């Protein structure tokens, strides 16, 4: 095992865990569950108790959080059906296609994040791992049971490896990239495997958001470093969740202009929208002032029932705002970062490296 790479990777990931819980300002964590909030943000929750009302038989919902470093969106929570991205499970994260525009810039990735307060660790074979540094942490309050994952380099010419003690958490694409949560040189390839469909806008090729906004970028299997799109029910994994295959739904944020009814498991479309996943529009309503949400107000309905998006928007319902930067055109959620955020990340990482190096120095004595 490459000890240098191991310590460096764990240190950077620990910095990411710390920054994910404290970065930004005005977090939407524990938003009031008012009728207005629930209407505009279906599936909104603060704890899994808030999701109990949606659970029917084996269809169990739990409250899953997505961490980001986007101001006012540092923590978003939504009820998720089935295996969520949590603990030792690489599962689903919330999706936000049917939430208001500002929330759609969050692109969820199920990441294996190192945690500094492990009291024991379980490896991928289910074996309990005994590590001195973990035992020293056990006496501290707030400790958790974590898992051991080993990652190899994406390069055939490198034998570097990283062993990380942590848990699966949902994080935004930008945070995932900035903190290199794929470890070593894996992150770019992982995100590329979940890239959205490419659309030509004003002569430029623009990629839609990860998994086209209808799924989660996840490991192929638990503790794997190879990623894929895990699509919401009703979308095809053949094009990274781009094409609707039916009107069934499994995620509160997936039905375009409509809502997913957890009792029927089907999308309910508002006036002016129709078709599978509310992906079609009614051209007869273009001039109807009472229909305000068709094509999300960012385009007109074509004669074929598809949205013709205004400049600056793309997606089935013109739900994705295009963000341009100095090097390329991309959908909102670009991995381009400012000098300020980069400097902040390096500062956090340096603190984590120092702390963990101290722990391991003691452990190796």
Protein backbone atom coordinates (compact mmCIF):
# COMPACT_ATOMS: atom_id res chain seq x y z
CA UNK A 1 0.00 0.00 0.00
CA UNK A 2 1.30 3.49 -0.86
CA UNK A 3 1.24 5.14 2.58
CA UNK A 4 1.90 8.62 1.23
CA UNK A 5 -1.03 8.48 -1.17
CA UNK A 6 -3.23 6.97 1.53
CA UNK A 7 -2.56 9.72 4.08
CA UNK A 8 -2.93 12.47 1.47
CA UNK A 9 -6.23 11.12 0.13
CA UNK A 10 -7.79 10.67 3.55
CA UNK A 11 -6.66 14.15 4.61
CA UNK A 12 -8.23 15.82 1.59
CA UNK A 13 -11.46 13.86 2.06
CA UNK A 14 -11.62 14.84 5.72
CA UNK A 15 -11.33 18.47 4.70
CA UNK A 16 -14.21 17.92 2.31
CA UNK A 17 -16.36 16.45 5.07
CA UNK A 18 -15.66 19.43 7.29
CA UNK A 19 -16.26 22.00 4.56
CA UNK A 20 -19.43 20.29 3.41
CA UNK A 21 -21.05 20.81 6.79
CA UNK A 22 -19.94 24.39 7.33
CA UNK A 23 -19.29 26.12 3.98
CA UNK A 24 -21.49 28.77 2.45
CA UNK A 25 -24.16 30.66 4.32
CA UNK A 26 -27.89 30.59 4.78
CA UNK A 27 -28.16 26.79 4.59
CA UNK A 28 -31.61 25.46 3.77
CA UNK A 29 -31.22 22.72 6.38
CA UNK A 30 -34.36 22.20 8.48
CA UNK A 31 -36.54 24.37 6.26
CA UNK A 32 -40.06 24.87 7.69
CA UNK A 33 -42.40 22.18 6.36
CA UNK A 34 -45.08 24.69 5.40
CA UNK A 35 -47.68 23.98 2.74
CA UNK A 36 -46.02 26.59 0.52
CA UNK A 37 -42.61 24.94 0.83
CA UNK A 38 -44.01 21.45 0.27
CA UNK A 39 -45.91 22.66 -2.78
CA UNK A 40 -42.84 24.12 -4.48
CA UNK A 41 -40.39 21.52 -3.11
CA UNK A 42 -42.17 18.13 -3.12
CA UNK A 43 -40.63 15.61 -0.74
CA UNK A 44 -38.98 18.26 1.44
CA UNK A 45 -37.96 16.85 4.84
CA UNK A 46 -35.85 17.52 7.91
CA UNK A 47 -35.71 13.99 9.35
CA UNK A 48 -36.88 10.55 8.22
CA UNK A 49 -39.93 10.97 10.48
CA UNK A 50 -41.16 13.53 7.95
CA UNK A 51 -41.06 10.81 5.27
CA UNK A 52 -43.10 8.23 7.22
CA UNK A 53 -46.36 9.51 5.69
CA UNK A 54 -45.17 8.43 2.24
CA UNK A 55 -44.13 4.90 3.30
CA UNK A 56 -46.48 2.14 2.16
CA UNK A 57 -45.57 -1.48 2.88
CA UNK A 58 -42.16 -2.26 1.39
CA UNK A 59 -41.92 1.19 -0.21
CA UNK A 60 -39.93 2.89 2.52
CA UNK A 61 -38.79 6.51 2.29
CA UNK A 62 -35.91 8.08 4.23
CA UNK A 63 -34.68 11.66 4.48
CA UNK A 64 -31.43 12.05 2.53
CA UNK A 65 -29.29 15.20 2.50
CA UNK A 66 -27.14 16.61 -0.32
CA UNK A 67 -24.16 18.73 0.73
CA UNK A 68 -22.83 21.53 -1.47
CA UNK A 69 -20.71 24.66 -1.19
CA UNK A 70 -23.28 26.77 -3.06
CA UNK A 71 -24.39 29.75 -0.98
CA UNK A 72 -27.89 29.22 0.51
CA UNK A 73 -27.92 25.62 -0.77
CA UNK A 74 -25.32 24.04 1.51
CA UNK A 75 -27.69 21.28 2.67
CA UNK A 76 -30.80 20.14 0.81
CA UNK A 77 -32.97 17.31 2.16
CA UNK A 78 -35.59 15.24 0.37
CA UNK A 79 -37.46 11.99 1.02
CA UNK A 80 -35.90 9.21 -1.07
CA UNK A 81 -37.49 5.85 -1.84
CA UNK A 82 -35.55 2.66 -1.16
CA UNK A 83 -31.79 2.45 -0.69
CA UNK A 84 -30.45 5.95 -0.27
CA UNK A 85 -26.81 6.98 -0.45
CA UNK A 86 -25.87 6.51 3.20
CA UNK A 87 -23.52 4.55 5.44
CA UNK A 88 -22.06 1.65 3.47
CA UNK A 89 -24.66 1.81 0.68
CA UNK A 90 -24.04 3.49 -2.66
CA UNK A 91 -27.67 4.39 -3.35
CA UNK A 92 -29.92 7.18 -4.61
CA UNK A 93 -29.70 10.87 -3.82
CA UNK A 94 -32.46 13.50 -4.14
CA UNK A 95 -33.14 15.01 -7.57
CA UNK A 96 -34.40 18.54 -8.14
CA UNK A 97 -35.76 18.80 -11.70
CA UNK A 98 -39.25 19.70 -10.45
CA UNK A 99 -37.99 22.08 -7.73
CA UNK A 100 -37.55 25.84 -8.43
CA UNK A 101 -34.71 26.97 -10.68
CA UNK A 102 -32.16 27.79 -7.97
CA UNK A 103 -32.20 24.22 -6.63
CA UNK A 104 -31.53 22.64 -10.03
CA UNK A 105 -27.91 23.76 -10.02
CA UNK A 106 -27.22 21.06 -7.42
CA UNK A 107 -26.04 17.89 -9.20
CA UNK A 108 -25.97 14.94 -6.77
CA UNK A 109 -23.13 12.41 -6.60
CA UNK A 110 -23.02 9.51 -4.14
CA UNK A 111 -19.54 9.96 -2.68
CA UNK A 112 -17.48 7.92 -0.22
CA UNK A 113 -16.41 10.63 2.24
CA UNK A 114 -13.80 10.13 4.95
CA UNK A 115 -15.00 10.91 8.47
CA UNK A 116 -12.67 11.76 11.35
CA UNK A 117 -14.81 10.29 14.13
CA UNK A 118 -14.92 6.55 13.36
CA UNK A 119 -15.23 4.16 16.30
CA UNK A 120 -14.90 1.06 14.10
CA UNK A 121 -14.72 0.27 10.41
CA UNK A 122 -16.18 -2.50 8.24
CA UNK A 123 -14.53 -3.42 4.96
CA UNK A 124 -16.26 -4.49 1.74
CA UNK A 125 -16.22 -8.13 2.88
CA UNK A 126 -18.09 -7.22 6.05
CA UNK A 127 -15.05 -7.70 8.29
CA UNK A 128 -14.43 -5.36 11.22
CA UNK A 129 -11.14 -3.53 10.76
CA UNK A 130 -9.00 -2.72 13.80
CA UNK A 131 -6.88 0.41 13.45
CA UNK A 132 -5.18 2.16 16.32
CA UNK A 133 -6.14 5.65 15.17
CA UNK A 134 -9.79 4.59 15.01
CA UNK A 135 -9.68 3.17 18.53
CA UNK A 136 -8.27 6.47 19.79
CA UNK A 137 -11.22 8.28 18.23
CA UNK A 138 -13.76 5.94 19.83
CA UNK A 139 -13.71 7.77 23.16
CA UNK A 140 -14.79 11.05 21.55
CA UNK A 141 -18.47 12.08 21.42
CA UNK A 142 -20.36 11.87 18.13
CA UNK A 143 -18.42 8.89 16.84
CA UNK A 144 -19.90 6.75 14.06
CA UNK A 145 -19.44 3.32 12.57
CA UNK A 146 -17.68 3.80 9.25
CA UNK A 147 -16.48 1.59 6.41
CA UNK A 148 -13.16 0.84 4.76
CA UNK A 149 -12.82 1.33 1.00
CA UNK A 150 -9.74 0.86 -1.17
CA UNK A 151 -9.26 2.80 -4.40
CA UNK A 152 -6.75 2.25 -7.18
CA UNK A 153 -5.39 4.67 -9.76
CA UNK A 154 -7.19 5.17 -13.08
CA UNK A 155 -3.79 5.05 -14.82
CA UNK A 156 -2.41 1.69 -15.94
CA UNK A 157 1.11 3.02 -15.35
CA UNK A 158 0.49 3.83 -11.69
CA UNK A 159 0.27 1.47 -8.74
CA UNK A 160 -0.86 4.17 -6.30
CA UNK A 161 -3.70 3.24 -3.98
CA UNK A 162 -5.76 4.90 -1.29
CA UNK A 163 -7.46 3.32 1.72
CA UNK A 164 -10.22 5.50 3.12
CA UNK A 165 -12.33 5.13 6.27
CA UNK A 166 -15.68 6.83 5.84
CA UNK A 167 -19.32 6.61 4.77
CA UNK A 168 -21.37 7.31 1.67
CA UNK A 169 -22.91 10.77 1.49
CA UNK A 170 -24.64 12.78 -1.25
CA UNK A 171 -22.60 15.77 -2.40
CA UNK A 172 -22.88 18.24 -5.26
CA UNK A 173 -20.77 17.70 -8.39
CA UNK A 174 -18.75 20.87 -7.80
CA UNK A 175 -17.82 19.86 -4.25
CA UNK A 176 -17.03 16.32 -5.43
CA UNK A 177 -14.62 17.65 -8.04
CA UNK A 178 -13.00 20.35 -5.90
CA UNK A 179 -12.27 17.89 -3.08
CA UNK A 180 -11.31 15.03 -5.41
CA UNK A 181 -13.68 12.62 -3.70
CA UNK A 182 -13.01 9.98 -6.35
CA UNK A 183 -9.45 9.92 -4.93
CA UNK A 184 -6.14 9.77 -6.79
CA UNK A 185 -6.91 10.46 -10.49
CA UNK A 186 -10.39 8.88 -10.63
CA UNK A 187 -12.68 11.91 -10.24
CA UNK A 188 -12.74 13.30 -13.83
CA UNK A 189 -13.49 9.90 -15.39
CA UNK A 190 -16.23 9.18 -12.85
CA UNK A 191 -18.02 12.46 -13.55
CA UNK A 192 -17.62 12.04 -17.30
CA UNK A 193 -19.35 8.65 -17.12
CA UNK A 194 -22.42 10.46 -15.74
CA UNK A 195 -22.33 13.42 -18.14
CA UNK A 196 -25.65 14.69 -19.49
CA UNK A 197 -26.62 14.76 -23.15
CA UNK A 198 -24.90 17.33 -25.35
CA UNK A 199 -26.96 20.06 -27.05
CA UNK A 200 -25.68 22.60 -29.57
CA UNK A 201 -26.63 26.11 -28.46
CA UNK A 202 -25.57 29.12 -30.57
CA UNK A 203 -22.94 26.99 -32.26
CA UNK A 204 -21.49 25.69 -29.00
CA UNK A 205 -21.79 22.19 -27.57
CA UNK A 206 -23.32 22.30 -24.10
CA UNK A 207 -23.62 19.32 -21.74
CA UNK A 208 -26.73 18.97 -19.62
CA UNK A 209 -26.38 18.37 -15.87
CA UNK A 210 -25.23 15.00 -14.49
CA UNK A 211 -27.57 12.14 -15.39
CA UNK A 212 -29.68 14.75 -17.21
CA UNK A 213 -31.20 15.73 -13.86
CA UNK A 214 -33.13 12.46 -13.54
CA UNK A 215 -30.82 10.27 -11.51
CA UNK A 216 -27.76 9.99 -9.28
CA UNK A 217 -24.11 9.53 -10.25
CA UNK A 218 -23.19 6.44 -8.20
CA UNK A 219 -20.56 3.66 -7.96
CA UNK A 220 -21.47 0.61 -10.06
CA UNK A 221 -21.32 -1.44 -6.85
CA UNK A 222 -20.69 -0.55 -3.20
CA UNK A 223 -17.06 0.58 -2.70
CA UNK A 224 -16.33 0.61 -6.45
CA UNK A 225 -14.37 3.46 -8.08
CA UNK A 226 -16.26 3.03 -11.40
CA UNK A 227 -19.34 5.25 -11.66
CA UNK A 228 -22.63 5.20 -13.60
CA UNK A 229 -26.04 6.89 -13.58
CA UNK A 230 -28.68 5.34 -11.34
CA UNK A 231 -31.86 6.60 -13.03
CA UNK A 232 -35.16 7.45 -11.39
CA UNK A 233 -37.91 4.98 -12.35
CA UNK A 234 -39.33 5.99 -15.73
CA UNK A 235 -36.03 7.00 -17.34
CA UNK A 236 -33.59 5.02 -19.48
CA UNK A 237 -30.06 4.25 -18.35
CA UNK A 238 -29.03 3.85 -22.01
CA UNK A 239 -28.55 7.60 -22.37
CA UNK A 240 -27.78 8.52 -18.75
CA UNK A 241 -31.42 9.06 -17.79
CA UNK A 242 -32.14 11.36 -20.72
CA UNK A 243 -35.17 9.66 -22.29
CA UNK A 244 -38.49 9.02 -20.55
CA UNK A 245 -39.64 5.40 -20.86
CA UNK A 246 -42.97 5.72 -19.04
CA UNK A 247 -44.99 7.82 -16.63
CA UNK A 248 -44.04 5.87 -13.48
CA UNK A 249 -41.92 7.68 -10.91
CA UNK A 250 -39.86 6.97 -7.81
CA UNK A 251 -38.40 10.39 -6.92
CA UNK A 252 -40.22 13.49 -5.78
CA UNK A 253 -38.08 15.78 -7.92
CA UNK A 254 -38.28 13.95 -11.25
CA UNK A 255 -41.57 14.79 -12.98
CA UNK A 256 -40.56 17.97 -14.81
CA UNK A 257 -43.34 20.54 -14.34
CA UNK A 258 -45.42 17.99 -12.43
CA UNK A 259 -45.25 16.01 -9.20
CA UNK A 260 -44.69 12.35 -8.38
CA UNK A 261 -47.67 10.90 -6.51
CA UNK A 262 -46.17 8.45 -3.97
CA UNK A 263 -49.50 6.61 -3.61
CA UNK A 264 -49.80 5.74 -7.31
CA UNK A 265 -46.15 5.96 -8.33
CA UNK A 266 -47.10 8.10 -11.35
CA UNK A 267 -46.41 11.66 -12.47
CA UNK A 268 -49.28 14.15 -12.16
CA UNK A 269 -48.92 16.91 -14.77
CA UNK A 270 -50.22 20.49 -14.46
CA UNK A 271 -52.37 22.16 -17.10
CA UNK A 272 -50.28 22.83 -20.19
CA UNK A 273 -48.01 19.79 -19.68
CA UNK A 274 -48.65 16.18 -20.63
CA UNK A 275 -46.94 12.94 -21.68
CA UNK A 276 -44.54 10.65 -19.87
CA UNK A 277 -42.78 12.50 -17.02
CA UNK A 278 -44.75 15.62 -18.07
CA UNK A 279 -42.22 15.93 -20.91
CA UNK A 280 -44.67 17.25 -23.52
CA UNK A 281 -46.33 20.64 -23.76
CA UNK A 282 -49.54 21.90 -25.36
CA UNK A 283 -48.83 24.43 -28.15
CA UNK A 284 -52.43 25.68 -27.91
CA UNK A 285 -51.52 27.17 -24.51
CA UNK A 286 -48.64 29.38 -25.71
CA UNK A 287 -50.73 32.52 -25.43
CA UNK A 288 -52.75 31.48 -22.38
CA UNK A 289 -51.74 33.88 -19.61
CA UNK A 290 -53.07 31.53 -16.94
CA UNK A 291 -50.53 28.81 -17.92
CA UNK A 292 -47.35 30.19 -16.38
CA UNK A 293 -45.17 27.12 -15.86
CA UNK A 294 -45.18 25.55 -19.32
CA UNK A 295 -41.56 25.05 -20.41
CA UNK A 296 -40.79 26.56 -16.98
CA UNK A 297 -41.47 29.97 -18.48
CA UNK A 298 -38.15 29.71 -20.32
CA UNK A 299 -39.46 28.92 -23.81
CA UNK A 300 -42.42 28.26 -26.09
CA UNK A 301 -44.15 25.04 -27.02
CA UNK A 302 -43.46 23.84 -30.57
CA UNK A 303 -46.11 22.35 -32.83
CA UNK A 304 -44.74 18.87 -32.09
CA UNK A 305 -45.40 19.30 -28.37
CA UNK A 306 -41.77 19.83 -27.38
CA UNK A 307 -40.38 22.91 -25.68
CA UNK A 308 -38.37 25.34 -27.79
CA UNK A 309 -36.10 26.92 -25.20
CA UNK A 310 -35.10 30.56 -25.06
CA UNK A 311 -31.41 31.48 -25.25
CA UNK A 312 -29.67 30.47 -22.06
CA UNK A 313 -31.79 27.40 -21.29
CA UNK A 314 -31.94 23.73 -22.28
CA UNK A 315 -33.64 20.49 -21.21
CA UNK A 316 -36.96 18.78 -21.91
CA UNK A 317 -38.82 21.50 -20.02
CA UNK A 318 -36.14 24.22 -20.43
CA UNK A 319 -35.31 23.52 -16.81
CA UNK A 320 -31.53 23.92 -17.02
CA UNK A 321 -29.91 27.34 -17.17
CA UNK A 322 -26.71 27.54 -19.18
CA UNK A 323 -23.76 29.02 -17.38
CA UNK A 324 -20.84 30.33 -19.41
CA UNK A 325 -17.29 30.64 -18.13
CA UNK A 326 -14.01 31.81 -19.58
CA UNK A 327 -13.04 28.45 -21.08
CA UNK A 328 -16.19 26.71 -22.22
CA UNK A 329 -19.95 26.75 -22.21
CA UNK A 330 -21.62 24.44 -19.72
CA UNK A 331 -24.83 23.84 -17.87
CA UNK A 332 -25.33 25.37 -14.43
CA UNK A 333 -23.12 23.56 -11.94
CA UNK A 334 -19.81 23.95 -13.79
CA UNK A 335 -16.79 22.58 -11.94
CA UNK A 336 -15.00 25.90 -12.59
CA UNK A 337 -14.13 27.43 -9.20
CA UNK A 338 -13.10 30.90 -8.08
CA UNK A 339 -9.68 31.75 -6.66
CA UNK A 340 -11.37 32.43 -3.34
CA UNK A 341 -12.98 29.00 -3.07
CA UNK A 342 -9.79 27.29 -4.24
CA UNK A 343 -7.76 29.10 -1.61
CA UNK A 344 -10.33 28.18 1.05
CA UNK A 345 -10.21 24.54 0.02
CA UNK A 346 -6.40 24.45 0.19
CA UNK A 347 -6.50 26.03 3.65
CA UNK A 348 -8.98 23.41 4.89
CA UNK A 349 -6.98 20.59 3.32
CA UNK A 350 -3.74 21.80 4.92
CA UNK A 351 -5.40 21.77 8.35
CA UNK A 352 -6.72 18.24 7.77
CA UNK A 353 -3.33 17.01 6.52
CA UNK A 354 -1.64 18.36 9.65
CA UNK A 355 -4.24 16.79 11.98
CA UNK A 356 -4.24 13.38 10.35
CA UNK A 357 -0.46 13.34 9.97
CA UNK A 358 -0.28 13.90 13.74
CA UNK A 359 -2.65 10.98 14.40
CA UNK A 360 -0.71 8.63 12.17
CA UNK A 361 2.62 9.72 13.57
CA UNK A 362 1.35 8.63 16.98
CA UNK A 363 -0.09 5.42 15.57
CA UNK A 364 3.18 4.43 13.92
CA UNK A 365 5.32 5.03 17.01
